[in-house]
Amino acid sequence: MMVTATEQKQVFYEDVEEGEEIPSIALTPSSQQLVHWAAGSGDFYQIHYDPDFAKGTGLQGIIVHGALKHALLAAYHARAENASARDVLLGTACEAGLDGERASAILDGDEFAADVRERERHWHRLGIHAVPAVVIEGTHLISGGQPVEVFEAALRRIAENSAVAAIPASP
């Protein structure tokens, strides 16, 4: 069974019997809230707020930013707050490290909308289609979660290529 955050009643440890099922909780930030979070965090990748784009990459839907997700879950579970309320979102933004006054202005406006769209187009053109995506020196992309060996090999190749490029040509 799944319920939304606003439908869920507070459940206390001592009230739960062994084997009793606790309903899953659905916290669903609006697209506007997610775009505002992208602007505030600097992470403009579309899978965080565009459901069609996210599904086009093979996901079932959007992926909420990690810091936002953790702060929203803490607000809901630890403090029994309505995670979709503006004041809770503002507190959550502050908890996740954003300036409160600035976060408030971002929540209330659309000042970053054009920038968000342009930055997502930029990174999309560069081939970023997965999270995490690591860009090294603005030109080398390691896409998706990779083992340490992949990073090590990539960094070694980049260093070797940089060293070769630094050798002056013979006269």
Protein backbone atom coordinates (compact mmCIF):
# COMPACT_ATOMS: atom_id res chain seq x y z
CA MET A 1 0.00 0.00 0.00
CA MET A 2 1.26 3.49 -0.82
CA VAL A 3 -0.02 6.77 0.57
CA THR A 4 0.96 10.37 -0.05
CA ALA A 5 2.74 12.38 2.61
CA THR A 6 -0.41 14.38 3.33
CA GLU A 7 -2.47 11.19 3.84
CA GLN A 8 0.02 9.48 6.15
CA LYS A 9 -0.65 9.59 9.87
CA GLN A 10 2.26 9.63 12.27
CA VAL A 11 3.44 6.10 13.10
CA PHE A 12 5.38 5.55 16.31
CA TYR A 13 7.80 2.69 16.92
CA GLU A 14 5.96 1.49 20.01
CA ASP A 15 2.65 1.27 18.09
CA VAL A 16 3.96 -1.14 15.45
CA GLU A 17 3.64 -4.87 16.00
CA GLU A 18 6.22 -7.32 14.69
CA GLY A 19 5.31 -8.37 11.15
CA GLU A 20 2.93 -5.43 10.67
CA GLU A 21 3.24 -3.71 7.30
CA ILE A 22 3.89 0.01 7.34
CA PRO A 23 2.63 1.74 4.19
CA SER A 24 5.13 3.17 1.73
CA ILE A 25 5.12 6.94 1.47
CA ALA A 26 5.04 8.94 -1.75
CA LEU A 27 6.57 12.41 -1.52
CA THR A 28 5.95 14.08 -4.86
CA PRO A 29 7.54 17.51 -5.32
CA SER A 30 6.05 19.56 -8.16
CA SER A 31 8.02 20.16 -11.37
CA GLN A 32 8.34 23.81 -10.37
CA GLN A 33 9.85 22.84 -7.00
CA LEU A 34 12.31 20.51 -8.72
CA VAL A 35 13.38 23.15 -11.26
CA HIS A 36 13.84 25.65 -8.46
CA TRP A 37 15.94 23.12 -6.58
CA ALA A 38 18.04 22.60 -9.71
CA ALA A 39 18.67 26.34 -9.85
CA GLY A 40 19.56 26.52 -6.19
CA SER A 41 21.83 23.48 -6.24
CA GLY A 42 23.41 24.07 -9.66
CA ASP A 43 22.43 20.55 -10.83
CA PHE A 44 20.42 21.12 -13.99
CA TYR A 45 20.25 17.61 -15.36
CA GLN A 46 16.74 17.00 -16.78
CA ILE A 47 16.20 13.63 -15.12
CA HIS A 48 15.61 15.57 -11.91
CA TYR A 49 12.52 17.43 -13.14
CA ASP A 50 11.43 16.35 -16.65
CA PRO A 51 9.47 13.06 -16.51
CA ASP A 52 9.48 12.54 -20.29
CA PHE A 53 13.21 13.09 -20.53
CA ALA A 54 13.84 10.78 -17.56
CA LYS A 55 11.70 8.04 -19.13
CA GLY A 56 13.54 8.55 -22.42
CA THR A 57 16.76 7.58 -20.64
CA GLY A 58 15.23 4.32 -19.44
CA LEU A 59 14.18 5.46 -15.97
CA GLN A 60 10.69 4.91 -14.61
CA GLY A 61 10.42 8.61 -13.80
CA ILE A 62 12.34 11.54 -12.38
CA ILE A 63 15.07 11.13 -9.76
CA VAL A 64 14.89 13.67 -6.97
CA HIS A 65 18.23 15.33 -6.07
CA GLY A 66 20.02 13.43 -3.30
CA ALA A 67 20.41 16.32 -0.86
CA LEU A 68 16.81 17.38 -1.42
CA LYS A 69 15.55 13.83 -1.00
CA HIS A 70 17.44 13.37 2.27
CA ALA A 71 16.24 16.70 3.64
CA LEU A 72 12.62 16.01 2.61
CA LEU A 73 12.71 12.54 4.16
CA ALA A 74 14.13 13.98 7.38
CA ALA A 75 11.39 16.63 7.44
CA TYR A 76 8.72 14.00 6.95
CA HIS A 77 10.03 11.10 9.02
CA ALA A 78 12.02 12.79 11.76
CA ARG A 79 9.82 15.84 12.29
CA ALA A 80 6.42 14.69 10.89
CA GLU A 81 6.19 17.79 8.66
CA ASN A 82 4.23 18.19 5.42
CA ALA A 83 7.09 18.03 2.92
CA SER A 84 5.06 19.78 0.21
CA ALA A 85 4.36 22.92 2.27
CA ARG A 86 6.32 26.02 1.21
CA ASP A 87 7.68 26.70 4.71
CA VAL A 88 8.88 23.11 5.00
CA LEU A 89 10.50 23.30 1.54
CA LEU A 90 12.25 26.48 2.58
CA GLY A 91 13.46 24.89 5.80
CA THR A 92 14.54 21.83 3.84
CA ALA A 93 16.55 23.99 1.43
CA CYS A 94 18.31 25.61 4.40
CA GLU A 95 18.93 22.21 5.99
CA ALA A 96 20.51 21.02 2.75
CA GLY A 97 22.88 23.99 2.77
CA LEU A 98 21.13 26.68 0.71
CA ASP A 99 20.82 30.29 1.91
CA GLY A 100 17.29 30.78 3.28
CA GLU A 101 16.66 34.25 1.89
CA ARG A 102 17.91 33.21 -1.52
CA ALA A 103 15.97 29.94 -1.46
CA SER A 104 12.82 31.89 -0.67
CA ALA A 105 13.34 34.16 -3.68
CA ILE A 106 13.97 31.13 -5.90
CA LEU A 107 10.82 29.37 -4.66
CA ASP A 108 8.73 32.46 -5.40
CA GLY A 109 10.12 33.36 -8.82
CA ASP A 110 11.25 32.11 -12.19
CA GLU A 111 14.55 33.97 -12.44
CA PHE A 112 16.48 30.78 -13.24
CA ALA A 113 14.07 29.21 -15.75
CA ALA A 114 15.91 30.33 -18.91
CA ASP A 115 19.32 29.51 -17.41
CA VAL A 116 18.15 26.07 -16.31
CA ARG A 117 16.89 25.27 -19.81
CA GLU A 118 20.08 26.53 -21.48
CA ARG A 119 22.38 24.62 -19.13
CA GLU A 120 20.47 21.39 -19.56
CA ARG A 121 20.66 21.80 -23.37
CA HIS A 122 24.41 22.45 -23.08
CA TRP A 123 25.14 19.30 -21.08
CA HIS A 124 22.73 17.23 -23.16
CA ARG A 125 24.58 18.31 -26.34
CA LEU A 126 27.82 17.18 -24.67
CA GLY A 127 26.37 13.71 -24.21
CA ILE A 128 25.46 13.68 -20.54
CA HIS A 129 22.59 11.23 -20.21
CA ALA A 130 23.25 9.62 -16.83
CA VAL A 131 23.78 10.50 -13.20
CA PRO A 132 26.38 10.69 -11.95
CA ALA A 133 28.28 12.27 -14.80
CA VAL A 134 31.86 13.33 -14.14
CA VAL A 135 33.38 15.89 -16.51
CA ILE A 136 37.17 16.23 -16.28
CA GLU A 137 38.87 19.35 -17.64
CA GLY A 138 35.65 20.26 -19.42
CA THR A 139 36.28 17.69 -22.16
CA HIS A 140 36.34 14.16 -20.73
CA LEU A 141 33.11 12.46 -19.61
CA ILE A 142 32.72 9.46 -17.33
CA SER A 143 29.04 8.63 -17.43
CA GLY A 144 27.02 6.75 -14.84
CA GLY A 145 28.17 5.00 -11.68
CA GLN A 146 31.52 3.39 -12.48
CA PRO A 147 33.98 1.29 -10.50
CA VAL A 148 37.22 2.85 -9.24
CA GLU A 149 39.17 1.08 -12.00
CA VAL A 150 37.30 3.02 -14.70
CA PHE A 151 38.19 6.34 -13.07
CA GLU A 152 41.80 5.27 -12.59
CA ALA A 153 42.17 4.19 -16.24
CA ALA A 154 40.49 7.37 -17.51
CA LEU A 155 42.67 9.63 -15.36
CA ARG A 156 45.80 7.80 -16.47
CA ARG A 157 44.84 8.21 -20.17
CA ILE A 158 44.06 11.89 -19.66
CA ALA A 159 47.39 12.43 -17.88
CA GLU A 160 49.29 10.55 -20.61
CA ASN A 161 47.60 12.55 -23.36
CA SER A 162 48.31 15.80 -21.50
CA ALA A 163 51.98 14.84 -21.12
CA VAL A 164 52.27 13.98 -24.84
CA ALA A 165 50.57 17.24 -25.81
CA ALA A 166 53.02 19.17 -23.59
CA ILE A 167 56.10 17.83 -25.44
CA PRO A 168 57.18 20.48 -27.96
CA ALA A 169 57.36 19.42 -31.58
CA SER A 170 60.82 18.91 -33.07
CA PRO A 171 62.15 21.88 -35.09
